[in-house]
Amino acid sequence: MEAEFRKRLMALPPEGRWRRGALMFDAARTMVKVSMPEWLPEDERRRWLWQRLYPEVPLPERALMV
């Protein structure tokens, strides 16, 4: 099944593969956002999102500046 998925994905033009990847990232980001407690302040929401999506990368301080 994985091989068939990869075959179909690679058959898409580059723009189609890029778009598919962007849509998957947006879906993952949405899933993380809905898992957050609603009471979190905005800066903590950004921190939570970053830590869930990029666990190996330190959060840049400028990411908390609004």
PDB file of N, CA and C in Angstrom:
ATOM      1  N   MET A   1       0.818  -1.178   0.000  1.00  0.00           N
ATOM      2  CA  MET A   1       0.000   0.000   0.000  1.00  0.00           C
ATOM      3  C   MET A   1       0.877   1.262   0.000  1.00  0.00           C
ATOM      4  N   GLU A   2       1.935   1.227   0.808  1.00  0.00           N
ATOM      5  CA  GLU A   2       2.836   2.379   0.856  1.00  0.00           C
ATOM      6  C   GLU A   2       3.503   2.605  -0.498  1.00  0.00           C
ATOM      7  N   ALA A   3       3.909   1.524  -1.147  1.00  0.00           N
ATOM      8  CA  ALA A   3       4.550   1.643  -2.465  1.00  0.00           C
ATOM      9  C   ALA A   3       3.573   2.223  -3.490  1.00  0.00           C
ATOM     10  N   GLU A   4       2.319   1.807  -3.438  1.00  0.00           N
ATOM     11  CA  GLU A   4       1.317   2.329  -4.368  1.00  0.00           C
ATOM     12  C   GLU A   4       1.072   3.818  -4.119  1.00  0.00           C
ATOM     13  N   PHE A   5       1.003   4.205  -2.829  1.00  0.00           N
ATOM     14  CA  PHE A   5       0.816   5.619  -2.491  1.00  0.00           C
ATOM     15  C   PHE A   5       1.978   6.446  -3.035  1.00  0.00           C
ATOM     16  N   ARG A   6       3.203   5.961  -2.815  1.00  0.00           N
ATOM     17  CA  ARG A   6       4.380   6.692  -3.292  1.00  0.00           C
ATOM     18  C   ARG A   6       4.381   6.793  -4.814  1.00  0.00           C
ATOM     19  N   LYS A   7       4.022   5.701  -5.484  1.00  0.00           N
ATOM     20  CA  LYS A   7       3.974   5.696  -6.951  1.00  0.00           C
ATOM     21  C   LYS A   7       2.990   6.755  -7.458  1.00  0.00           C
ATOM     22  N   ARG A   8       1.822   6.819  -6.850  1.00  0.00           N
ATOM     23  CA  ARG A   8       0.821   7.805  -7.271  1.00  0.00           C
ATOM     24  C   ARG A   8       1.255   9.230  -6.937  1.00  0.00           C
ATOM     25  N   LEU A   9       1.879   9.397  -5.780  1.00  0.00           N
ATOM     26  CA  LEU A   9       2.355  10.723  -5.396  1.00  0.00           C
ATOM     27  C   LEU A   9       3.432  11.209  -6.355  1.00  0.00           C
ATOM     28  N   MET A  10       4.358  10.340  -6.700  1.00  0.00           N
ATOM     29  CA  MET A  10       5.450  10.734  -7.582  1.00  0.00           C
ATOM     30  C   MET A  10       4.974  10.944  -9.027  1.00  0.00           C
ATOM     31  N   ALA A  11       3.803  10.422  -9.357  1.00  0.00           N
ATOM     32  CA  ALA A  11       3.253  10.632 -10.697  1.00  0.00           C
ATOM     33  C   ALA A  11       2.672  12.035 -10.853  1.00  0.00           C
ATOM     34  N   LEU A  12       2.438  12.706  -9.745  1.00  0.00           N
ATOM     35  CA  LEU A  12       1.912  14.071  -9.799  1.00  0.00           C
ATOM     36  C   LEU A  12       2.993  15.032 -10.286  1.00  0.00           C
ATOM     37  N   PRO A  13       2.597  16.138 -10.899  1.00  0.00           N
ATOM     38  CA  PRO A  13       3.595  17.149 -11.257  1.00  0.00           C
ATOM     39  C   PRO A  13       4.156  17.774  -9.974  1.00  0.00           C
ATOM     40  N   PRO A  14       5.328  18.413 -10.045  1.00  0.00           N
ATOM     41  CA  PRO A  14       5.929  18.992  -8.833  1.00  0.00           C
ATOM     42  C   PRO A  14       4.979  19.902  -8.060  1.00  0.00           C
ATOM     43  N   GLU A  15       4.179  20.703  -8.780  1.00  0.00           N
ATOM     44  CA  GLU A  15       3.245  21.603  -8.098  1.00  0.00           C
ATOM     45  C   GLU A  15       2.209  20.802  -7.306  1.00  0.00           C
ATOM     46  N   GLY A  16       1.784  19.675  -7.873  1.00  0.00           N
ATOM     47  CA  GLY A  16       0.806  18.826  -7.196  1.00  0.00           C
ATOM     48  C   GLY A  16       1.383  18.194  -5.947  1.00  0.00           C
ATOM     49  N   ARG A  17       2.647  17.777  -6.008  1.00  0.00           N
ATOM     50  CA  ARG A  17       3.303  17.199  -4.820  1.00  0.00           C
ATOM     51  C   ARG A  17       3.483  18.270  -3.746  1.00  0.00           C
ATOM     52  N   TRP A  18       3.878  19.468  -4.172  1.00  0.00           N
ATOM     53  CA  TRP A  18       4.059  20.554  -3.211  1.00  0.00           C
ATOM     54  C   TRP A  18       2.738  20.877  -2.530  1.00  0.00           C
ATOM     55  N   ARG A  19       1.674  20.972  -3.334  1.00  0.00           N
ATOM     56  CA  ARG A  19       0.358  21.292  -2.782  1.00  0.00           C
ATOM     57  C   ARG A  19      -0.101  20.207  -1.815  1.00  0.00           C
ATOM     58  N   ARG A  20       0.108  18.957  -2.176  1.00  0.00           N
ATOM     59  CA  ARG A  20      -0.280  17.847  -1.298  1.00  0.00           C
ATOM     60  C   ARG A  20       0.465  17.947   0.029  1.00  0.00           C
ATOM     61  N   GLY A  21       1.767  18.242  -0.023  1.00  0.00           N
ATOM     62  CA  GLY A  21       2.546  18.398   1.202  1.00  0.00           C
ATOM     63  C   GLY A  21       2.054  19.558   2.053  1.00  0.00           C
ATOM     64  N   ALA A  22       1.733  20.670   1.400  1.00  0.00           N
ATOM     65  CA  ALA A  22       1.229  21.839   2.126  1.00  0.00           C
ATOM     66  C   ALA A  22      -0.103  21.521   2.797  1.00  0.00           C
ATOM     67  N   LEU A  23      -0.965  20.804   2.113  1.00  0.00           N
ATOM     68  CA  LEU A  23      -2.259  20.435   2.699  1.00  0.00           C
ATOM     69  C   LEU A  23      -2.079  19.495   3.896  1.00  0.00           C
ATOM     70  N   MET A  24      -1.122  18.578   3.796  1.00  0.00           N
ATOM     71  CA  MET A  24      -0.864  17.664   4.921  1.00  0.00           C
ATOM     72  C   MET A  24      -0.315  18.436   6.121  1.00  0.00           C
ATOM     73  N   PHE A  25       0.579  19.407   5.862  1.00  0.00           N
ATOM     74  CA  PHE A  25       1.108  20.214   6.954  1.00  0.00           C
ATOM     75  C   PHE A  25      -0.002  21.012   7.620  1.00  0.00           C
ATOM     76  N   ASP A  26      -0.876  21.613   6.809  1.00  0.00           N
ATOM     77  CA  ASP A  26      -2.003  22.370   7.368  1.00  0.00           C
ATOM     78  C   ASP A  26      -2.899  21.481   8.224  1.00  0.00           C
ATOM     79  N   ALA A  27      -3.119  20.256   7.774  1.00  0.00           N
ATOM     80  CA  ALA A  27      -3.956  19.327   8.543  1.00  0.00           C
ATOM     81  C   ALA A  27      -3.288  18.987   9.875  1.00  0.00           C
ATOM     82  N   ALA A  28      -1.980  18.737   9.846  1.00  0.00           N
ATOM     83  CA  ALA A  28      -1.257  18.417  11.084  1.00  0.00           C
ATOM     84  C   ALA A  28      -1.305  19.604  12.044  1.00  0.00           C
ATOM     85  N   ARG A  29      -1.115  20.793  11.515  1.00  0.00           N
ATOM     86  CA  ARG A  29      -1.154  22.004  12.343  1.00  0.00           C
ATOM     87  C   ARG A  29      -2.531  22.195  12.985  1.00  0.00           C
ATOM     88  N   THR A  30      -3.564  21.953  12.222  1.00  0.00           N
ATOM     89  CA  THR A  30      -4.925  22.057  12.750  1.00  0.00           C
ATOM     90  C   THR A  30      -5.157  21.043  13.864  1.00  0.00           C
ATOM     91  N   MET A  31      -4.670  19.817  13.683  1.00  0.00           N
ATOM     92  CA  MET A  31      -4.837  18.796  14.720  1.00  0.00           C
ATOM     93  C   MET A  31      -4.141  19.194  16.018  1.00  0.00           C
ATOM     94  N   VAL A  32      -2.951  19.785  15.895  1.00  0.00           N
ATOM     95  CA  VAL A  32      -2.245  20.241  17.093  1.00  0.00           C
ATOM     96  C   VAL A  32      -3.029  21.366  17.761  1.00  0.00           C
ATOM     97  N   LYS A  33      -3.513  22.304  16.968  1.00  0.00           N
ATOM     98  CA  LYS A  33      -4.243  23.449  17.533  1.00  0.00           C
ATOM     99  C   LYS A  33      -5.490  23.014  18.291  1.00  0.00           C
ATOM    100  N   VAL A  34      -6.242  22.063  17.758  1.00  0.00           N
ATOM    101  CA  VAL A  34      -7.468  21.649  18.456  1.00  0.00           C
ATOM    102  C   VAL A  34      -7.174  20.821  19.694  1.00  0.00           C
ATOM    103  N   SER A  35      -5.942  20.313  19.813  1.00  0.00           N
ATOM    104  CA  SER A  35      -5.586  19.541  21.005  1.00  0.00           C
ATOM    105  C   SER A  35      -5.149  20.441  22.168  1.00  0.00           C
ATOM    106  N   MET A  36      -4.968  21.742  21.908  1.00  0.00           N
ATOM    107  CA  MET A  36      -4.515  22.672  22.943  1.00  0.00           C
ATOM    108  C   MET A  36      -5.654  23.016  23.900  1.00  0.00           C
ATOM    109  N   PRO A  37      -5.304  23.240  25.164  1.00  0.00           N
ATOM    110  CA  PRO A  37      -6.325  23.749  26.084  1.00  0.00           C
ATOM    111  C   PRO A  37      -6.778  25.139  25.627  1.00  0.00           C
ATOM    112  N   GLU A  38      -8.056  25.387  25.687  1.00  0.00           N
ATOM    113  CA  GLU A  38      -8.606  26.663  25.201  1.00  0.00           C
ATOM    114  C   GLU A  38      -8.146  27.863  26.018  1.00  0.00           C
ATOM    115  N   TRP A  39      -7.787  27.648  27.267  1.00  0.00           N
ATOM    116  CA  TRP A  39      -7.431  28.752  28.149  1.00  0.00           C
ATOM    117  C   TRP A  39      -6.008  29.257  27.949  1.00  0.00           C
ATOM    118  N   LEU A  40      -5.203  28.606  27.106  1.00  0.00           N
ATOM    119  CA  LEU A  40      -3.813  29.037  26.921  1.00  0.00           C
ATOM    120  C   LEU A  40      -3.739  30.424  26.297  1.00  0.00           C
ATOM    121  N   PRO A  41      -2.881  31.295  26.839  1.00  0.00           N
ATOM    122  CA  PRO A  41      -2.672  32.602  26.198  1.00  0.00           C
ATOM    123  C   PRO A  41      -1.979  32.412  24.843  1.00  0.00           C
ATOM    124  N   GLU A  42      -2.059  33.421  24.003  1.00  0.00           N
ATOM    125  CA  GLU A  42      -1.548  33.328  22.636  1.00  0.00           C
ATOM    126  C   GLU A  42      -0.077  32.947  22.569  1.00  0.00           C
ATOM    127  N   ASP A  43       0.779  33.524  23.415  1.00  0.00           N
ATOM    128  CA  ASP A  43       2.203  33.180  23.349  1.00  0.00           C
ATOM    129  C   ASP A  43       2.434  31.718  23.715  1.00  0.00           C
ATOM    130  N   GLU A  44       1.671  31.185  24.656  1.00  0.00           N
ATOM    131  CA  GLU A  44       1.796  29.771  25.016  1.00  0.00           C
ATOM    132  C   GLU A  44       1.261  28.879  23.899  1.00  0.00           C
ATOM    133  N   ARG A  45       0.254  29.340  23.191  1.00  0.00           N
ATOM    134  CA  ARG A  45      -0.284  28.569  22.065  1.00  0.00           C
ATOM    135  C   ARG A  45       0.787  28.446  20.974  1.00  0.00           C
ATOM    136  N   ARG A  46       1.488  29.544  20.716  1.00  0.00           N
ATOM    137  CA  ARG A  46       2.576  29.497  19.725  1.00  0.00           C
ATOM    138  C   ARG A  46       3.668  28.542  20.170  1.00  0.00           C
ATOM    139  N   ARG A  47       4.044  28.608  21.448  1.00  0.00           N
ATOM    140  CA  ARG A  47       5.083  27.727  21.989  1.00  0.00           C
ATOM    141  C   ARG A  47       4.658  26.256  21.862  1.00  0.00           C
ATOM    142  N   TRP A  48       3.409  25.972  22.232  1.00  0.00           N
ATOM    143  CA  TRP A  48       2.879  24.610  22.170  1.00  0.00           C
ATOM    144  C   TRP A  48       2.929  24.089  20.723  1.00  0.00           C
ATOM    145  N   LEU A  49       2.448  24.918  19.803  1.00  0.00           N
ATOM    146  CA  LEU A  49       2.425  24.526  18.397  1.00  0.00           C
ATOM    147  C   LEU A  49       3.829  24.230  17.898  1.00  0.00           C
ATOM    148  N   TRP A  50       4.776  25.106  18.185  1.00  0.00           N
ATOM    149  CA  TRP A  50       6.163  24.923  17.743  1.00  0.00           C
ATOM    150  C   TRP A  50       6.743  23.633  18.319  1.00  0.00           C
ATOM    151  N   GLN A  51       6.553  23.425  19.605  1.00  0.00           N
ATOM    152  CA  GLN A  51       7.136  22.242  20.247  1.00  0.00           C
ATOM    153  C   GLN A  51       6.553  20.950  19.686  1.00  0.00           C
ATOM    154  N   ARG A  52       5.290  20.983  19.315  1.00  0.00           N
ATOM    155  CA  ARG A  52       4.680  19.767  18.759  1.00  0.00           C
ATOM    156  C   ARG A  52       5.128  19.513  17.320  1.00  0.00           C
ATOM    157  N   LEU A  53       5.308  20.578  16.530  1.00  0.00           N
ATOM    158  CA  LEU A  53       5.687  20.401  15.131  1.00  0.00           C
ATOM    159  C   LEU A  53       7.189  20.254  14.925  1.00  0.00           C
ATOM    160  N   TYR A  54       7.980  20.909  15.776  1.00  0.00           N
ATOM    161  CA  TYR A  54       9.440  20.895  15.624  1.00  0.00           C
ATOM    162  C   TYR A  54      10.111  20.560  16.957  1.00  0.00           C
ATOM    163  N   PRO A  55       9.941  19.357  17.462  1.00  0.00           N
ATOM    164  CA  PRO A  55      10.438  19.043  18.810  1.00  0.00           C
ATOM    165  C   PRO A  55      11.962  19.147  18.975  1.00  0.00           C
ATOM    166  N   GLU A  56      12.714  19.028  17.902  1.00  0.00           N
ATOM    167  CA  GLU A  56      14.177  19.072  17.980  1.00  0.00           C
ATOM    168  C   GLU A  56      14.753  20.474  17.813  1.00  0.00           C
ATOM    169  N   VAL A  57      13.908  21.457  17.482  1.00  0.00           N
ATOM    170  CA  VAL A  57      14.387  22.804  17.159  1.00  0.00           C
ATOM    171  C   VAL A  57      13.960  23.781  18.251  1.00  0.00           C
ATOM    172  N   PRO A  58      14.913  24.509  18.832  1.00  0.00           N
ATOM    173  CA  PRO A  58      14.531  25.500  19.840  1.00  0.00           C
ATOM    174  C   PRO A  58      13.643  26.591  19.240  1.00  0.00           C
ATOM    175  N   LEU A  59      12.712  27.058  20.017  1.00  0.00           N
ATOM    176  CA  LEU A  59      11.802  28.114  19.578  1.00  0.00           C
ATOM    177  C   LEU A  59      12.554  29.433  19.480  1.00  0.00           C
ATOM    178  N   PRO A  60      12.570  30.075  18.304  1.00  0.00           N
ATOM    179  CA  PRO A  60      13.209  31.379  18.197  1.00  0.00           C
ATOM    180  C   PRO A  60      12.445  32.409  19.034  1.00  0.00           C
ATOM    181  N   GLU A  61      13.151  33.255  19.748  1.00  0.00           N
ATOM    182  CA  GLU A  61      12.504  34.260  20.600  1.00  0.00           C
ATOM    183  C   GLU A  61      11.603  35.188  19.790  1.00  0.00           C
ATOM    184  N   ARG A  62      11.982  35.482  18.552  1.00  0.00           N
ATOM    185  CA  ARG A  62      11.164  36.381  17.736  1.00  0.00           C
ATOM    186  C   ARG A  62       9.801  35.778  17.421  1.00  0.00           C
ATOM    187  N   ALA A  63       9.651  34.464  17.593  1.00  0.00           N
ATOM    188  CA  ALA A  63       8.375  33.800  17.314  1.00  0.00           C
ATOM    189  C   ALA A  63       7.315  34.208  18.339  1.00  0.00           C
ATOM    190  N   LEU A  64       7.733  34.679  19.506  1.00  0.00           N
ATOM    191  CA  LEU A  64       6.800  35.070  20.546  1.00  0.00           C
ATOM    192  C   LEU A  64       6.455  36.553  20.486  1.00  0.00           C
ATOM    193  N   MET A  65       7.184  37.298  19.668  1.00  0.00           N
ATOM    194  CA  MET A  65       6.924  38.723  19.538  1.00  0.00           C
ATOM    195  C   MET A  65       5.754  38.951  18.601  1.00  0.00           C
ATOM    196  N   VAL A  66       4.873  39.817  18.983  1.00  0.00           N
ATOM    197  CA  VAL A  66       3.709  40.125  18.143  1.00  0.00           C
ATOM    198  C   VAL A  66       3.737  41.577  17.754  1.00  0.00           C
TER     199      VAL A  66
END
